[in-house]
Structure formats: C-alpha cells, structure tokens
Amino acid sequence: MDSLFADEAFDRRPRIVAPGAVWLPAFLSDRAQSWIIARCAEWQSGPVPPHATTIAGHPMSVRTIGLGWHWRPGRYDRRAVDVNGAAVLAFPDWMTRLGRQVLQSATEVVDGADDLPAGTAASWGFDPTGYHPDVALVNHYDAQSKMGMHQDKDEFDPAPVVSLSLGDTCLFRFGNTEHRNRPYEDLRLASGDAFVFGGPARFAFHGVRSIQSGTAPDAGRLSHLGGGRINITMRTTGRE
C-alpha cells in the first residue's frame, strides 16, 4: 500500500502549474543536495542564529536564517535587530549562479509548451542572465511545522522567486493572487525540487500544509537538524 503514495506514483515531470509558475522536480542532483545541506549546517552557527520570526505577536513554526538581508514582516534590514543585532551573512555568489540555472530550466519548460506564444517566459520576467537575487530565506520545518497562505510582497523588485526544497517532502499549496481560497493546487515538493513563480504569479498566495516525516532520500537527510525540511527562497529586494 505504501508504494501507492511514494513520489514515483505521482506525475513528477517539469510543468507549468499556473501562468508564471513552473515546477522543476528533481532539479538538484544528489551531490548538489548534500553539498547545499552542508552549507546550511555551516550557517547554523550564525552570526545570526536560526530564529522563529514573530508575526502579529505569534512566533512562526519554522526557524529562519537570512542571507544577504534579515527579514521581518514588512521590511528587510542588514542586521537582525529583533534577534541579536548582528549583521547577517552575505548572499553567496554560488546561489546567484544556481538561481540563474533554475530560471534557465524554467524558461526551457515554458518555451517548450505548445500552447504558449514565443516570448512568454520573458514576459513573465524569466531572465536568467539578468537575475540578481540579493536575499535568501532559509527556513527549517520540523515534522509539525506549517506555513499559512501568504504573499511574498516585501520586495520592491518583482523579479521571480526561486525556491529549493531539501529534506522531507512537503504538501505545498499554490493559489491565486486575489485571496487565500480556491483556485489553488496542492503539490508534493520533494528533496531536490525547484519551483519558480514570477510575472502573473509573483504575488500568488502559497503555503505549506504539512511535512511528511521520513521521506527524505539519503542525499537529502538533514542529520544536523534531526530531520525535517529546508526551503530556500531567493528573492530580489530592490533595496540598497
């Protein structure tokens, strides 16, 4: 019975989820997953420790590390003024290159769609060579963590968001730009998957419904955290 619910039982081909949103299953190789997880383990030591951001007086269930900028609702800062006042780690050059590779693959998926006109990817803001993300939020979800439907709207630059999944599979809900209700689609994002949303989907509501414990592959195990899922989202703040 378990095999009926394994990842291979679902359609995991790259596809356009909605105009402006592209899912790239298994984008990261096993080697890449292990290497990035090792970097995540290094980031744990600070200078800003993993922390639960407070929203409307309540701490989030995920623990976050910021690269390039420190995020809190409605603003970005170079220092974690609500944690320990330390300056955040720099945004790594390798992550810019990786983000561009994800966008290039997403562009190829869009360009290969039979029902879309030429130039659609560009109209969605998919510009691999011109992509300059300057912040990454590295979120760790334990087995009980969730994230409610929300929009990523604290950036001044509407460049696409590039998302990477590591560790356990999650049930990810991707919705519309108007409200948190239907229409939306639930996807199983597994370790190594990439997801891009920009253009008409840039401000779509999205969230994480649940974490499926024990589903991480060997290369995606978060041993330094005792399991769970890591999500890395790259954005372009448009701030100086």
Protein backbone atom coordinates (compact mmCIF):
# COMPACT_ATOMS: atom_id res chain seq x y z
CA MET A 1 0.00 0.00 0.00
CA ASP A 2 2.85 2.43 0.83
CA SER A 3 4.04 2.27 -2.78
CA LEU A 4 0.79 3.88 -3.89
CA PHE A 5 1.81 7.06 -2.11
CA ALA A 6 5.52 7.11 -2.99
CA ASP A 7 6.81 10.02 -5.04
CA GLU A 8 7.21 7.86 -8.12
CA ALA A 9 3.45 7.15 -8.05
CA PHE A 10 2.78 10.82 -8.86
CA ASP A 11 3.44 12.76 -12.03
CA ARG A 12 6.79 14.43 -11.38
CA ARG A 13 7.61 15.85 -14.78
CA PRO A 14 8.54 19.56 -15.02
CA ARG A 15 5.43 21.56 -15.74
CA ILE A 16 3.72 24.93 -15.67
CA VAL A 17 1.49 25.00 -12.58
CA ALA A 18 -0.08 28.38 -13.40
CA PRO A 19 0.84 31.29 -15.67
CA GLY A 20 4.16 32.48 -14.24
CA ALA A 21 4.73 29.41 -12.03
CA VAL A 22 6.92 26.45 -13.01
CA TRP A 23 7.69 23.29 -11.01
CA LEU A 24 11.01 21.53 -11.66
CA PRO A 25 11.01 18.17 -9.82
CA ALA A 26 14.40 16.60 -9.09
CA PHE A 27 16.28 19.69 -10.28
CA LEU A 28 19.13 19.19 -7.79
CA SER A 29 21.33 16.12 -8.10
CA ASP A 30 22.11 14.00 -5.04
CA ARG A 31 25.56 15.57 -4.90
CA ALA A 32 24.13 19.09 -5.07
CA GLN A 33 21.62 18.35 -2.31
CA SER A 34 24.33 17.03 0.00
CA TRP A 35 26.59 20.00 -0.74
CA ILE A 36 23.88 22.60 -0.06
CA ILE A 37 22.82 20.84 3.13
CA ALA A 38 26.43 21.04 4.31
CA ARG A 39 26.32 24.81 3.71
CA CYS A 40 23.07 25.01 5.68
CA ALA A 41 24.80 23.25 8.58
CA GLU A 42 27.56 25.88 8.49
CA TRP A 43 25.01 28.71 8.56
CA GLN A 44 23.57 27.35 11.80
CA SER A 45 26.48 28.83 13.74
CA GLY A 46 25.49 32.40 12.91
CA PRO A 47 26.35 35.22 13.32
CA VAL A 48 22.54 35.35 13.46
CA PRO A 49 21.17 32.06 14.85
CA PRO A 50 18.14 30.28 13.40
CA HIS A 51 15.11 32.01 14.85
CA ALA A 52 11.32 31.95 14.79
CA THR A 53 10.10 35.23 13.30
CA THR A 54 7.20 36.82 15.16
CA ILE A 55 4.11 37.75 13.15
CA ALA A 56 1.23 39.57 14.84
CA GLY A 57 2.62 38.61 18.23
CA HIS A 58 2.99 34.91 17.45
CA PRO A 59 6.22 33.08 16.55
CA MET A 60 6.24 31.16 13.29
CA SER A 61 6.63 27.39 13.49
CA VAL A 62 9.62 27.50 11.11
CA ARG A 63 13.09 28.66 12.07
CA THR A 64 14.80 31.04 9.66
CA ILE A 65 18.30 32.09 8.64
CA GLY A 66 18.65 35.10 6.33
CA LEU A 67 21.42 35.54 3.78
CA GLY A 68 22.08 39.00 2.37
CA TRP A 69 19.26 40.60 4.34
CA HIS A 70 17.38 39.92 7.55
CA TRP A 71 13.63 39.65 7.01
CA ARG A 72 10.85 40.54 9.37
CA PRO A 73 7.27 41.35 8.35
CA GLY A 74 7.20 44.40 6.12
CA ARG A 75 10.92 45.12 5.99
CA TYR A 76 14.47 43.99 5.33
CA ASP A 77 17.50 45.01 7.38
CA ARG A 78 21.21 44.28 7.18
CA ARG A 79 21.20 43.49 10.90
CA ALA A 80 18.91 41.19 12.84
CA VAL A 81 17.65 43.95 15.12
CA ASP A 82 14.93 41.72 16.58
CA VAL A 83 17.25 38.77 17.31
CA ASN A 84 20.77 39.70 18.40
CA GLY A 85 21.64 42.82 16.41
CA ALA A 86 24.32 41.04 14.39
CA ALA A 87 24.91 41.59 10.69
CA VAL A 88 23.62 38.77 8.52
CA LEU A 89 25.78 36.55 6.34
CA ALA A 90 26.44 37.75 2.79
CA PHE A 91 24.40 36.38 -0.09
CA PRO A 92 26.69 33.78 -1.70
CA ASP A 93 27.76 34.10 -5.32
CA TRP A 94 27.13 30.41 -5.96
CA MET A 95 23.48 30.90 -5.07
CA THR A 96 23.14 33.58 -7.75
CA ARG A 97 24.53 31.12 -10.30
CA LEU A 98 22.20 28.40 -9.06
CA GLY A 99 19.19 30.72 -9.23
CA ARG A 100 20.03 31.54 -12.83
CA GLN A 101 20.27 27.84 -13.67
CA VAL A 102 16.83 27.26 -12.19
CA LEU A 103 15.40 30.15 -14.19
CA GLN A 104 17.04 28.83 -17.36
CA SER A 105 15.42 25.43 -16.86
CA ALA A 106 12.06 27.06 -16.13
CA THR A 107 12.41 29.12 -19.31
CA GLU A 108 13.05 25.96 -21.33
CA VAL A 109 9.87 24.39 -19.91
CA VAL A 110 7.84 27.45 -20.90
CA ASP A 111 9.44 27.72 -24.34
CA GLY A 112 8.66 24.05 -24.94
CA ALA A 113 4.94 24.44 -24.21
CA ASP A 114 2.88 24.01 -27.37
CA ASP A 115 0.08 26.32 -26.29
CA LEU A 116 2.17 29.37 -25.36
CA PRO A 117 3.47 32.01 -27.80
CA ALA A 118 7.17 32.77 -28.21
CA GLY A 119 8.44 35.23 -25.65
CA THR A 120 6.11 34.09 -22.88
CA ALA A 121 8.93 33.30 -20.47
CA ALA A 122 10.42 36.76 -20.96
CA SER A 123 7.02 38.36 -20.37
CA TRP A 124 6.90 36.51 -17.05
CA GLY A 125 10.22 38.07 -16.02
CA PHE A 126 12.21 34.87 -16.55
CA ASP A 127 15.58 36.45 -17.42
CA PRO A 128 18.33 34.03 -16.36
CA THR A 129 21.29 36.22 -17.30
CA GLY A 130 19.76 39.33 -15.71
CA TYR A 131 18.68 37.62 -12.48
CA HIS A 132 20.35 39.23 -9.45
CA PRO A 133 18.81 37.88 -6.23
CA ASP A 134 20.19 39.51 -3.09
CA VAL A 135 18.40 37.71 -0.27
CA ALA A 136 17.67 34.10 0.61
CA LEU A 137 15.43 32.95 3.43
CA VAL A 138 16.47 29.52 4.66
CA ASN A 139 13.51 28.03 6.54
CA HIS A 140 13.65 24.81 8.53
CA TYR A 141 10.38 22.93 9.03
CA ASP A 142 10.20 20.20 11.65
CA ALA A 143 7.57 17.47 11.49
CA GLN A 144 4.86 19.72 12.97
CA SER A 145 5.66 22.93 11.09
CA LYS A 146 3.26 24.58 8.66
CA MET A 147 3.04 27.92 6.89
CA GLY A 148 -0.28 29.61 6.21
CA MET A 149 -1.25 31.03 2.86
CA HIS A 150 0.63 34.27 2.27
CA GLN A 151 2.13 36.50 -0.41
CA ASP A 152 5.81 37.39 -0.78
CA LYS A 153 5.33 41.12 -1.15
CA ASP A 154 8.01 42.84 0.94
CA GLU A 155 10.33 43.24 -2.05
CA PHE A 156 10.49 46.37 -4.23
CA ASP A 157 11.68 44.37 -7.24
CA PRO A 158 9.12 41.97 -8.80
CA ALA A 159 11.78 39.57 -10.12
CA PRO A 160 10.75 35.91 -9.82
CA VAL A 161 11.10 33.98 -6.59
CA VAL A 162 13.25 30.85 -6.89
CA SER A 163 12.54 28.14 -4.32
CA LEU A 164 14.53 24.99 -3.48
CA SER A 165 13.40 22.06 -1.33
CA LEU A 166 15.66 19.81 0.73
CA GLY A 167 14.86 17.02 3.18
CA ASP A 168 11.40 15.63 3.78
CA THR A 169 8.63 16.05 1.23
CA CYS A 170 6.02 18.70 1.97
CA LEU A 171 2.48 19.29 0.81
CA PHE A 172 2.71 22.71 -0.83
CA ARG A 173 -0.36 24.74 -1.77
CA PHE A 174 -0.06 27.25 -4.61
CA GLY A 175 -3.01 29.54 -5.11
CA ASN A 176 -4.13 32.72 -6.85
CA THR A 177 -3.21 36.39 -6.46
CA GLU A 178 -6.60 37.60 -5.18
CA HIS A 179 -7.24 35.65 -1.97
CA ARG A 180 -6.36 32.55 0.04
CA ASN A 181 -9.26 30.49 -1.23
CA ARG A 182 -9.72 28.43 -4.39
CA PRO A 183 -8.47 28.10 -7.04
CA TYR A 184 -5.28 26.51 -5.73
CA GLU A 185 -3.30 23.35 -6.34
CA ASP A 186 -1.57 21.09 -3.85
CA LEU A 187 1.86 19.74 -4.86
CA ARG A 188 4.25 17.29 -3.22
CA LEU A 189 7.60 19.11 -3.19
CA ALA A 190 10.38 16.60 -2.58
CA SER A 191 14.07 16.98 -1.80
CA GLY A 192 15.84 18.42 -4.82
CA ASP A 193 12.77 20.06 -6.34
CA ALA A 194 12.85 23.66 -7.56
CA PHE A 195 9.88 25.98 -8.00
CA VAL A 196 9.75 29.39 -9.71
CA PHE A 197 7.00 31.99 -9.60
CA GLY A 198 7.07 35.38 -11.27
CA GLY A 199 5.14 37.61 -13.65
CA PRO A 200 1.39 37.00 -13.26
CA ALA A 201 2.06 34.55 -10.39
CA ARG A 202 4.61 36.64 -8.50
CA PHE A 203 2.13 37.63 -5.77
CA ALA A 204 0.18 34.39 -5.64
CA PHE A 205 -0.82 33.15 -2.19
CA HIS A 206 1.04 29.99 -1.21
CA GLY A 207 1.77 27.94 1.89
CA VAL A 208 2.90 24.62 3.36
CA ARG A 209 0.14 22.32 4.56
CA SER A 210 2.23 19.57 6.14
CA ILE A 211 5.60 17.83 6.31
CA GLN A 212 5.78 14.12 5.50
CA SER A 213 8.31 12.78 8.01
CA GLY A 214 10.81 10.17 6.97
CA THR A 215 10.54 10.83 3.23
CA ALA A 216 13.96 12.43 2.69
CA PRO A 217 16.33 10.50 0.42
CA ASP A 218 19.79 9.62 1.68
CA ALA A 219 21.31 12.66 -0.05
CA GLY A 220 18.65 14.96 1.40
CA ARG A 221 18.70 13.93 5.04
CA LEU A 222 19.02 16.82 7.47
CA SER A 223 21.08 14.94 10.03
CA HIS A 224 22.36 18.13 11.67
CA LEU A 225 18.75 19.16 12.40
CA GLY A 226 17.30 15.80 13.29
CA GLY A 227 15.24 15.67 10.11
CA GLY A 228 12.52 17.85 8.65
CA ARG A 229 12.59 20.05 5.57
CA ILE A 230 14.63 23.06 4.46
CA ASN A 231 13.20 25.54 1.98
CA ILE A 232 15.47 28.16 0.43
CA THR A 233 13.76 31.04 -1.34
CA MET A 234 15.78 33.56 -3.34
CA ARG A 235 14.29 37.00 -3.94
CA THR A 236 15.42 40.38 -5.25
CA THR A 237 14.67 43.06 -2.67
CA GLY A 238 15.28 46.12 -4.85
CA ARG A 239 16.79 47.77 -1.78
CA GLU A 240 20.18 49.42 -1.41
